[in-house]
Every structure is written in structure tokens, then in C-alpha cells.
Amino acid sequence: MPLRIKYLSIKSIKPKGIVHGFFTRMGGCSKKQFKSLNCSISNGDSKNLVNKNKIIAMKKLKINSKKLILAKQTHSSKVVRIKKNNQNDIIQADGLITSSKDIAIAVLTADCAPIFIFDINSKFVCCLHSGWRGTLKNITKNAVKIFNKYNIKTKDLIAIVGPCLASSNYEVDKNFEKKFLKKNNRYKKFFKSKNKKKSLFNLRGIINFQIKELGIKKTFNIKKDTYFNESLFFSYRRSVHKGHNSSGRLINIISIT
């Protein structure tokens, strides 16, 4: 029996002219450990099935007439504006931003945090893949700089942080912690010591802290743990703990309609 496709969004905000969705793993065509809405071919899944899954997601958001843009993610803090002159290029980045109504932009995640940012007048939309490296380098700050470049004030931005790995399942070593404290000692509160060698890292907490520091007033969270909710989400860390060589990837899409 096929799984019903499901995506998450913030129901309380329905900005005119914008559609967004953080998709779960449900409702696709992929099999075995990629069951079922896997949207990445980098893990060994069938290209044909992955393409079908992307089409399913686009249809669910009723934007299947648009061109879907996915960057080649590199765990960086690079954010690229997508326009007609580069929409067919291979983009290496972890953030995309656009003002085009002809395309939809997306990032893939499997524990890292997907972030959507847009302005209240729906001039630009942005999606970010913020893992620990992107968070350490504050990818959100780089995105806000681009909004500001086009005279969009930070106070007019709205941010949504989607499902990601919760701190209870994000164990890191002390050297990892030191990297963040070297950047900003106030990040200390996002690490909870587990023992002499390990701490628990609050990825969502630090991202929200960074967003607030930038001056974004309206921030929403979909507080779902990708590791714990196996029926809903792919999780790279959970796959590793289970001895799998690869994990599926969730797609997170935003578009100006």
C-alpha cells in the first residue's frame, strides 16, 4: 500500500504569493532504505525513481509547471542568487535565493537544518542547508546580506527552521565544541556536557540564536527530530548507527507563485 505524501509547513503564516513545504519521507517511489520519497541520487538510489519523487513533491505544492533548482551541496556557507542566466548551471552552494516566479528552489537534508527565509512583500525567497559547518560559518548571515543588497530590510524578513537532528541525538566531541566557542563564546549554552569527552549539540538552538542576532523578528520552527521520527524522516546519523552505508534525503521546497 503506497504511503500518502506528507509535507510540513507553518499554517499560521500564508504569505501572499509564496508556497513552501518541508517534505517527509512519505509518498514516494523509492525502495528499501530509501523508502519512499528520497530525492537524492548521490546515495545510490535510482535516478528514475528520484526524478519521479521530485515531480510528486512539486505536484503536491501545485508548482509542477516550474523549474526545480537544487544546488550541489558542499557543507559551506555559500549562498547563490538564481536568475535566468544561471538557472541551468551546476551550482555549488548550500543556499539559494531568487526573485523569479518561473522556478522553485530547494535543499536536501537528512539531519541538517533546512531554513526558509522570505520577505513580507514576497520579492525574494531563500532556502538554506545549515549543517554544523554552515552553522559555524553562519550561512544565515550570508543570506541576509543578499536580501539587504536588494534593499530588503532585515526587520521585514521571516524565517522558518525545519526538521533537523535534535540535541538529544546530536553527540559531539569536545574539539567540535571548541570550534564553536572559538567563534563565539556565547555559543556555550548550546552545548550540554555528557561526560569528559562528549557533549550534546543544540543545532536548532544555535541557528535560532544566529537568526535573532541578525535582527529577524519573526522566526518559526517545526520542532521535529529527524533521528527519532524514523517513519517520517531520513536521518544520516541513524543510518550510520544501524550500519547502513547510505541514507535517503528529504526535499525542502519554496517558491514565489
C-alpha atoms as a PDB file:
ATOM      1  CA  MET A   1       0.000   0.000   0.000  1.00  0.00           C
ATOM      2  CA  PRO A   2       1.575   3.329  -1.065  1.00  0.00           C
ATOM      3  CA  LEU A   3       2.361   5.896   1.597  1.00  0.00           C
ATOM      4  CA  ARG A   4       0.450   9.154   1.426  1.00  0.00           C
ATOM      5  CA  ILE A   5       2.709  12.073   0.632  1.00  0.00           C
ATOM      6  CA  LYS A   6       3.168  14.468   3.500  1.00  0.00           C
ATOM      7  CA  TYR A   7       4.890  17.808   3.916  1.00  0.00           C
ATOM      8  CA  LEU A   8       5.154  20.215   6.827  1.00  0.00           C
ATOM      9  CA  SER A   9       4.646  23.962   6.784  1.00  0.00           C
ATOM     10  CA  ILE A  10       3.718  26.774   9.137  1.00  0.00           C
ATOM     11  CA  LYS A  11      -0.056  27.008   8.819  1.00  0.00           C
ATOM     12  CA  SER A  12      -0.307  30.283  10.699  1.00  0.00           C
ATOM     13  CA  ILE A  13       1.615  32.162   8.008  1.00  0.00           C
ATOM     14  CA  LYS A  14       0.312  32.199   4.486  1.00  0.00           C
ATOM     15  CA  PRO A  15       2.269  34.963   2.799  1.00  0.00           C
ATOM     16  CA  LYS A  16       0.615  36.068  -0.401  1.00  0.00           C
ATOM     17  CA  GLY A  17       2.434  34.648  -3.392  1.00  0.00           C
ATOM     18  CA  ILE A  18       4.659  32.114  -1.606  1.00  0.00           C
ATOM     19  CA  VAL A  19       4.360  28.351  -1.204  1.00  0.00           C
ATOM     20  CA  HIS A  20       6.681  26.228   0.930  1.00  0.00           C
ATOM     21  CA  GLY A  21       6.994  22.667   2.164  1.00  0.00           C
ATOM     22  CA  PHE A  22       9.387  20.604   4.284  1.00  0.00           C
ATOM     23  CA  PHE A  23       8.716  17.135   2.903  1.00  0.00           C
ATOM     24  CA  THR A  24       8.814  13.927   4.906  1.00  0.00           C
ATOM     25  CA  ARG A  25       9.997  10.589   3.508  1.00  0.00           C
ATOM     26  CA  MET A  26       6.401   9.510   2.808  1.00  0.00           C
ATOM     27  CA  GLY A  27       4.636   9.219  -0.527  1.00  0.00           C
ATOM     28  CA  GLY A  28       7.394   8.385  -2.976  1.00  0.00           C
ATOM     29  CA  CYS A  29       8.579   5.568  -5.224  1.00  0.00           C
ATOM     30  CA  SER A  30      11.947   4.544  -3.766  1.00  0.00           C
ATOM     31  CA  LYS A  31      12.534   1.181  -2.079  1.00  0.00           C
ATOM     32  CA  LYS A  32      14.361  -0.402   0.878  1.00  0.00           C
ATOM     33  CA  GLN A  33      16.374   2.088   2.967  1.00  0.00           C
ATOM     34  CA  PHE A  34      15.346   4.877   0.570  1.00  0.00           C
ATOM     35  CA  LYS A  35      11.628   4.265   1.079  1.00  0.00           C
ATOM     36  CA  SER A  36       9.976   6.263  -0.153  1.00  0.00           C
ATOM     37  CA  LEU A  37      10.297   9.973  -1.109  1.00  0.00           C
ATOM     38  CA  ASN A  38      14.085  10.024  -1.426  1.00  0.00           C
ATOM     39  CA  CYS A  39      15.167  12.981  -3.569  1.00  0.00           C
ATOM     40  CA  SER A  40      18.909  12.376  -3.924  1.00  0.00           C
ATOM     41  CA  ILE A  41      20.835  10.215  -6.393  1.00  0.00           C
ATOM     42  CA  SER A  42      24.160  10.697  -4.587  1.00  0.00           C
ATOM     43  CA  ASN A  43      23.360   7.830  -2.202  1.00  0.00           C
ATOM     44  CA  GLY A  44      22.901   5.125  -4.834  1.00  0.00           C
ATOM     45  CA  ASP A  45      19.170   5.290  -5.437  1.00  0.00           C
ATOM     46  CA  SER A  46      17.696   5.025  -8.945  1.00  0.00           C
ATOM     47  CA  LYS A  47      17.835   8.285 -10.895  1.00  0.00           C
ATOM     48  CA  ASN A  48      14.489   7.467 -12.477  1.00  0.00           C
ATOM     49  CA  LEU A  49      12.799   6.958  -9.102  1.00  0.00           C
ATOM     50  CA  VAL A  50      14.369  10.092  -7.632  1.00  0.00           C
ATOM     51  CA  ASN A  51      13.125  12.176 -10.558  1.00  0.00           C
ATOM     52  CA  LYS A  52       9.634  10.744 -10.044  1.00  0.00           C
ATOM     53  CA  ASN A  53       9.823  11.665  -6.365  1.00  0.00           C
ATOM     54  CA  LYS A  54      10.739  15.272  -7.163  1.00  0.00           C
ATOM     55  CA  ILE A  55       7.786  15.524  -9.545  1.00  0.00           C
ATOM     56  CA  ILE A  56       5.487  14.127  -6.835  1.00  0.00           C
ATOM     57  CA  ALA A  57       6.649  16.821  -4.391  1.00  0.00           C
ATOM     58  CA  MET A  58       6.239  19.606  -6.927  1.00  0.00           C
ATOM     59  CA  LYS A  59       2.731  18.437  -7.797  1.00  0.00           C
ATOM     60  CA  LYS A  60       1.802  18.365  -4.120  1.00  0.00           C
ATOM     61  CA  LEU A  61       2.703  22.054  -3.848  1.00  0.00           C
ATOM     62  CA  LYS A  62       0.934  22.714  -7.189  1.00  0.00           C
ATOM     63  CA  ILE A  63       4.087  24.198  -8.726  1.00  0.00           C
ATOM     64  CA  ASN A  64       4.967  21.379 -11.129  1.00  0.00           C
ATOM     65  CA  SER A  65       4.983  23.826 -14.040  1.00  0.00           C
ATOM     66  CA  LYS A  66       8.094  25.483 -12.605  1.00  0.00           C
ATOM     67  CA  LYS A  67      11.749  24.524 -12.977  1.00  0.00           C
ATOM     68  CA  LEU A  68      13.187  22.962  -9.807  1.00  0.00           C
ATOM     69  CA  ILE A  69      16.654  24.179  -8.828  1.00  0.00           C
ATOM     70  CA  LEU A  70      18.818  22.127  -6.470  1.00  0.00           C
ATOM     71  CA  ALA A  71      22.405  23.086  -5.720  1.00  0.00           C
ATOM     72  CA  LYS A  72      25.276  20.660  -5.375  1.00  0.00           C
ATOM     73  CA  GLN A  73      25.616  20.995  -1.612  1.00  0.00           C
ATOM     74  CA  THR A  74      29.130  21.283  -0.198  1.00  0.00           C
ATOM     75  CA  HIS A  75      28.525  21.941   3.542  1.00  0.00           C
ATOM     76  CA  SER A  76      29.598  25.548   3.039  1.00  0.00           C
ATOM     77  CA  SER A  77      28.149  28.978   3.831  1.00  0.00           C
ATOM     78  CA  LYS A  78      27.846  29.966   0.166  1.00  0.00           C
ATOM     79  CA  VAL A  79      24.507  31.421  -0.989  1.00  0.00           C
ATOM     80  CA  VAL A  80      23.852  31.986  -4.710  1.00  0.00           C
ATOM     81  CA  ARG A  81      21.161  34.080  -6.369  1.00  0.00           C
ATOM     82  CA  ILE A  82      19.384  32.134  -9.120  1.00  0.00           C
ATOM     83  CA  LYS A  83      18.355  34.044 -12.231  1.00  0.00           C
ATOM     84  CA  LYS A  84      17.574  33.094 -15.820  1.00  0.00           C
ATOM     85  CA  ASN A  85      21.223  33.359 -16.829  1.00  0.00           C
ATOM     86  CA  ASN A  86      22.413  30.716 -14.341  1.00  0.00           C
ATOM     87  CA  GLN A  87      19.363  28.527 -13.708  1.00  0.00           C
ATOM     88  CA  ASN A  88      20.774  25.769 -15.921  1.00  0.00           C
ATOM     89  CA  ASP A  89      24.259  25.866 -14.385  1.00  0.00           C
ATOM     90  CA  ILE A  90      25.624  23.397 -11.854  1.00  0.00           C
ATOM     91  CA  ILE A  91      25.552  25.490  -8.691  1.00  0.00           C
ATOM     92  CA  GLN A  92      27.876  24.507  -5.851  1.00  0.00           C
ATOM     93  CA  ALA A  93      26.438  26.101  -2.727  1.00  0.00           C
ATOM     94  CA  ASP A  94      24.340  25.441   0.357  1.00  0.00           C
ATOM     95  CA  GLY A  95      21.969  28.322  -0.098  1.00  0.00           C
ATOM     96  CA  LEU A  96      19.796  29.543  -2.964  1.00  0.00           C
ATOM     97  CA  ILE A  97      17.872  32.808  -3.287  1.00  0.00           C
ATOM     98  CA  THR A  98      15.669  34.034  -6.110  1.00  0.00           C
ATOM     99  CA  SER A  99      13.096  36.592  -7.157  1.00  0.00           C
ATOM    100  CA  SER A 100      11.989  34.546 -10.187  1.00  0.00           C
ATOM    101  CA  LYS A 101       8.440  33.217 -10.382  1.00  0.00           C
ATOM    102  CA  ASP A 102       9.444  30.664 -13.014  1.00  0.00           C
ATOM    103  CA  ILE A 103      11.494  28.462 -10.696  1.00  0.00           C
ATOM    104  CA  ALA A 104      11.298  26.695  -7.355  1.00  0.00           C
ATOM    105  CA  ILE A 105      14.379  26.381  -5.166  1.00  0.00           C
ATOM    106  CA  ALA A 106      15.145  23.537  -2.775  1.00  0.00           C
ATOM    107  CA  VAL A 107      17.696  21.955  -0.461  1.00  0.00           C
ATOM    108  CA  LEU A 108      18.139  18.330   0.584  1.00  0.00           C
ATOM    109  CA  THR A 109      18.572  17.297   4.215  1.00  0.00           C
ATOM    110  CA  ALA A 110      18.904  14.231   6.431  1.00  0.00           C
ATOM    111  CA  ASP A 111      19.662  15.711   9.902  1.00  0.00           C
ATOM    112  CA  CYS A 112      20.990  19.129   8.883  1.00  0.00           C
ATOM    113  CA  ALA A 113      18.557  22.025   9.247  1.00  0.00           C
ATOM    114  CA  PRO A 114      16.618  23.334   6.252  1.00  0.00           C
ATOM    115  CA  ILE A 115      15.844  27.047   6.564  1.00  0.00           C
ATOM    116  CA  PHE A 116      13.444  29.175   4.519  1.00  0.00           C
ATOM    117  CA  ILE A 117      13.724  32.951   4.521  1.00  0.00           C
ATOM    118  CA  PHE A 118      11.480  35.383   2.644  1.00  0.00           C
ATOM    119  CA  ASP A 119      10.362  38.993   2.881  1.00  0.00           C
ATOM    120  CA  ILE A 120       6.872  40.138   3.760  1.00  0.00           C
ATOM    121  CA  ASN A 121       6.346  41.551   0.264  1.00  0.00           C
ATOM    122  CA  SER A 122       7.295  38.231  -1.383  1.00  0.00           C
ATOM    123  CA  LYS A 123      10.013  39.773  -3.555  1.00  0.00           C
ATOM    124  CA  PHE A 124      12.627  37.130  -2.743  1.00  0.00           C
ATOM    125  CA  VAL A 125      12.637  33.604  -1.330  1.00  0.00           C
ATOM    126  CA  CYS A 126      15.658  31.766   0.040  1.00  0.00           C
ATOM    127  CA  CYS A 127      16.398  28.217   1.170  1.00  0.00           C
ATOM    128  CA  LEU A 128      19.431  27.136   3.183  1.00  0.00           C
ATOM    129  CA  HIS A 129      21.069  23.844   4.112  1.00  0.00           C
ATOM    130  CA  SER A 130      22.579  24.512   7.527  1.00  0.00           C
ATOM    131  CA  GLY A 131      24.598  21.640   8.930  1.00  0.00           C
ATOM    132  CA  TRP A 132      27.196  22.170  11.604  1.00  0.00           C
ATOM    133  CA  ARG A 133      29.726  23.592   9.137  1.00  0.00           C
ATOM    134  CA  GLY A 134      27.245  26.011   7.599  1.00  0.00           C
ATOM    135  CA  THR A 135      26.067  26.997  11.058  1.00  0.00           C
ATOM    136  CA  LEU A 136      29.631  27.520  12.284  1.00  0.00           C
ATOM    137  CA  LYS A 137      30.196  29.868   9.324  1.00  0.00           C
ATOM    138  CA  ASN A 138      26.728  31.433   9.824  1.00  0.00           C
ATOM    139  CA  ILE A 139      25.211  30.774   6.405  1.00  0.00           C
ATOM    140  CA  THR A 140      22.077  32.657   7.502  1.00  0.00           C
ATOM    141  CA  LYS A 141      24.126  35.856   7.820  1.00  0.00           C
ATOM    142  CA  ASN A 142      25.301  35.485   4.225  1.00  0.00           C
ATOM    143  CA  ALA A 143      21.708  35.059   3.062  1.00  0.00           C
ATOM    144  CA  VAL A 144      20.530  38.171   4.904  1.00  0.00           C
ATOM    145  CA  LYS A 145      23.322  40.198   3.283  1.00  0.00           C
ATOM    146  CA  ILE A 146      21.849  39.378  -0.134  1.00  0.00           C
ATOM    147  CA  PHE A 147      18.356  40.462   0.934  1.00  0.00           C
ATOM    148  CA  ASN A 148      19.848  43.725   2.223  1.00  0.00           C
ATOM    149  CA  LYS A 149      21.737  44.209  -1.045  1.00  0.00           C
ATOM    150  CA  TYR A 150      18.366  44.477  -2.800  1.00  0.00           C
ATOM    151  CA  ASN A 151      17.038  46.983  -0.262  1.00  0.00           C
ATOM    152  CA  ILE A 152      15.013  44.470   1.715  1.00  0.00           C
ATOM    153  CA  LYS A 153      15.278  45.329   5.388  1.00  0.00           C
ATOM    154  CA  THR A 154      16.097  42.607   7.886  1.00  0.00           C
ATOM    155  CA  LYS A 155      13.076  43.545  10.017  1.00  0.00           C
ATOM    156  CA  ASP A 156      10.864  42.630   7.046  1.00  0.00           C
ATOM    157  CA  LEU A 157      12.191  39.060   6.834  1.00  0.00           C
ATOM    158  CA  ILE A 158      10.519  35.878   8.051  1.00  0.00           C
ATOM    159  CA  ALA A 159      12.489  32.702   8.788  1.00  0.00           C
ATOM    160  CA  ILE A 160      11.342  29.107   9.219  1.00  0.00           C
ATOM    161  CA  VAL A 161      13.640  26.392  10.576  1.00  0.00           C
ATOM    162  CA  GLY A 162      12.509  22.919   9.554  1.00  0.00           C
ATOM    163  CA  PRO A 163      13.001  19.405  10.956  1.00  0.00           C
ATOM    164  CA  CYS A 164      16.563  18.544  11.964  1.00  0.00           C
ATOM    165  CA  LEU A 165      18.635  16.472  14.371  1.00  0.00           C
ATOM    166  CA  ALA A 166      17.669  17.233  17.993  1.00  0.00           C
ATOM    167  CA  SER A 167      20.279  17.819  20.681  1.00  0.00           C
ATOM    168  CA  SER A 168      19.345  14.595  22.497  1.00  0.00           C
ATOM    169  CA  ASN A 169      20.689  12.671  19.498  1.00  0.00           C
ATOM    170  CA  TYR A 170      23.499  15.042  18.470  1.00  0.00           C
ATOM    171  CA  GLU A 171      26.549  13.819  20.391  1.00  0.00           C
ATOM    172  CA  VAL A 172      29.834  15.580  19.570  1.00  0.00           C
ATOM    173  CA  ASP A 173      33.366  15.579  20.961  1.00  0.00           C
ATOM    174  CA  LYS A 174      34.968  18.418  22.888  1.00  0.00           C
ATOM    175  CA  ASN A 175      37.099  19.534  19.907  1.00  0.00           C
ATOM    176  CA  PHE A 176      33.879  20.081  17.965  1.00  0.00           C
ATOM    177  CA  GLU A 177      32.585  22.233  20.802  1.00  0.00           C
ATOM    178  CA  LYS A 178      35.816  24.250  20.921  1.00  0.00           C
ATOM    179  CA  LYS A 179      35.417  25.242  17.252  1.00  0.00           C
ATOM    180  CA  PHE A 180      32.134  26.952  18.049  1.00  0.00           C
ATOM    181  CA  LEU A 181      33.346  28.594  21.253  1.00  0.00           C
ATOM    182  CA  LYS A 182      36.307  29.990  19.353  1.00  0.00           C
ATOM    183  CA  LYS A 183      33.833  31.693  17.001  1.00  0.00           C
ATOM    184  CA  ASN A 184      31.595  32.989  19.759  1.00  0.00           C
ATOM    185  CA  ASN A 185      31.833  32.183  23.462  1.00  0.00           C
ATOM    186  CA  ARG A 186      28.074  32.771  23.805  1.00  0.00           C
ATOM    187  CA  TYR A 187      27.543  29.532  21.867  1.00  0.00           C
ATOM    188  CA  LYS A 188      28.463  27.719  25.100  1.00  0.00           C
ATOM    189  CA  LYS A 189      24.797  27.445  26.123  1.00  0.00           C
ATOM    190  CA  PHE A 190      24.083  25.283  23.084  1.00  0.00           C
ATOM    191  CA  PHE A 191      26.339  22.501  24.362  1.00  0.00           C
ATOM    192  CA  LYS A 192      25.355  20.220  27.230  1.00  0.00           C
ATOM    193  CA  SER A 193      28.209  18.210  28.683  1.00  0.00           C
ATOM    194  CA  LYS A 194      27.546  14.474  28.647  1.00  0.00           C
ATOM    195  CA  ASN A 195      30.876  13.307  30.041  1.00  0.00           C
ATOM    196  CA  LYS A 196      34.555  14.329  29.934  1.00  0.00           C
ATOM    197  CA  LYS A 197      34.821  13.604  26.208  1.00  0.00           C
ATOM    198  CA  LYS A 198      31.354  14.238  24.800  1.00  0.00           C
ATOM    199  CA  SER A 199      28.690  16.949  24.671  1.00  0.00           C
ATOM    200  CA  LEU A 200      25.206  17.228  23.181  1.00  0.00           C
ATOM    201  CA  PHE A 201      24.896  19.913  20.496  1.00  0.00           C
ATOM    202  CA  ASN A 202      21.741  22.009  20.050  1.00  0.00           C
ATOM    203  CA  LEU A 203      21.805  22.784  16.310  1.00  0.00           C
ATOM    204  CA  ARG A 204      18.302  24.279  16.247  1.00  0.00           C
ATOM    205  CA  GLY A 205      19.067  26.460  19.247  1.00  0.00           C
ATOM    206  CA  ILE A 206      22.203  27.969  17.793  1.00  0.00           C
ATOM    207  CA  ILE A 207      20.510  28.645  14.435  1.00  0.00           C
ATOM    208  CA  ASN A 208      17.672  30.469  16.187  1.00  0.00           C
ATOM    209  CA  PHE A 209      20.227  32.438  18.196  1.00  0.00           C
ATOM    210  CA  GLN A 210      22.004  33.489  14.993  1.00  0.00           C
ATOM    211  CA  ILE A 211      18.719  34.484  13.338  1.00  0.00           C
ATOM    212  CA  LYS A 212      17.765  36.636  16.322  1.00  0.00           C
ATOM    213  CA  GLU A 213      21.210  38.245  16.428  1.00  0.00           C
ATOM    214  CA  LEU A 214      20.801  39.249  12.772  1.00  0.00           C
ATOM    215  CA  GLY A 215      17.631  41.143  13.627  1.00  0.00           C
ATOM    216  CA  ILE A 216      14.962  38.899  12.091  1.00  0.00           C
ATOM    217  CA  LYS A 217      11.896  39.423  14.275  1.00  0.00           C
ATOM    218  CA  LYS A 218       9.619  36.651  13.008  1.00  0.00           C
ATOM    219  CA  THR A 219      11.052  33.139  13.284  1.00  0.00           C
ATOM    220  CA  PHE A 220       9.084  29.904  13.239  1.00  0.00           C
ATOM    221  CA  ASN A 221      10.212  26.348  13.982  1.00  0.00           C
ATOM    222  CA  ILE A 222       8.969  22.911  13.022  1.00  0.00           C
ATOM    223  CA  LYS A 223      10.341  21.113  16.064  1.00  0.00           C
ATOM    224  CA  LYS A 224      10.676  17.592  14.738  1.00  0.00           C
ATOM    225  CA  ASP A 225      13.694  15.365  15.370  1.00  0.00           C
ATOM    226  CA  THR A 226      14.836  13.599  12.194  1.00  0.00           C
ATOM    227  CA  TYR A 227      16.637  10.878  14.166  1.00  0.00           C
ATOM    228  CA  PHE A 228      13.768   9.940  16.478  1.00  0.00           C
ATOM    229  CA  ASN A 229      10.941  10.038  13.916  1.00  0.00           C
ATOM    230  CA  GLU A 230      12.071   7.180  11.676  1.00  0.00           C
ATOM    231  CA  SER A 231       8.696   6.737   9.977  1.00  0.00           C
ATOM    232  CA  LEU A 232       8.670  10.379   8.885  1.00  0.00           C
ATOM    233  CA  PHE A 233      12.270  11.355   8.237  1.00  0.00           C
ATOM    234  CA  PHE A 234      15.536  10.154   6.782  1.00  0.00           C
ATOM    235  CA  SER A 235      18.458  10.532   9.188  1.00  0.00           C
ATOM    236  CA  TYR A 236      22.073  10.121   8.169  1.00  0.00           C
ATOM    237  CA  ARG A 237      23.186   9.606  11.765  1.00  0.00           C
ATOM    238  CA  ARG A 238      20.528   6.974  12.406  1.00  0.00           C
ATOM    239  CA  SER A 239      21.542   5.154   9.221  1.00  0.00           C
ATOM    240  CA  VAL A 240      25.182   5.102  10.339  1.00  0.00           C
ATOM    241  CA  HIS A 241      24.179   3.756  13.749  1.00  0.00           C
ATOM    242  CA  LYS A 242      22.202   0.999  12.013  1.00  0.00           C
ATOM    243  CA  GLY A 243      25.190   0.050   9.866  1.00  0.00           C
ATOM    244  CA  HIS A 244      23.798   1.329   6.551  1.00  0.00           C
ATOM    245  CA  ASN A 245      26.195   2.785   4.003  1.00  0.00           C
ATOM    246  CA  SER A 246      23.794   5.468   2.856  1.00  0.00           C
ATOM    247  CA  SER A 247      20.646   7.373   3.733  1.00  0.00           C
ATOM    248  CA  GLY A 248      17.787   8.953   1.806  1.00  0.00           C
ATOM    249  CA  ARG A 249      17.421  12.714   1.602  1.00  0.00           C
ATOM    250  CA  LEU A 250      14.389  14.887   2.349  1.00  0.00           C
ATOM    251  CA  ILE A 251      13.465  17.691  -0.036  1.00  0.00           C
ATOM    252  CA  ASN A 252      12.523  21.161   1.176  1.00  0.00           C
ATOM    253  CA  ILE A 253      10.986  23.461  -1.458  1.00  0.00           C
ATOM    254  CA  ILE A 254       9.987  27.129  -1.586  1.00  0.00           C
ATOM    255  CA  SER A 255       8.730  29.210  -4.495  1.00  0.00           C
ATOM    256  CA  ILE A 256       7.139  32.505  -5.441  1.00  0.00           C
ATOM    257  CA  THR A 257       3.826  31.680  -7.080  1.00  0.00           C
END
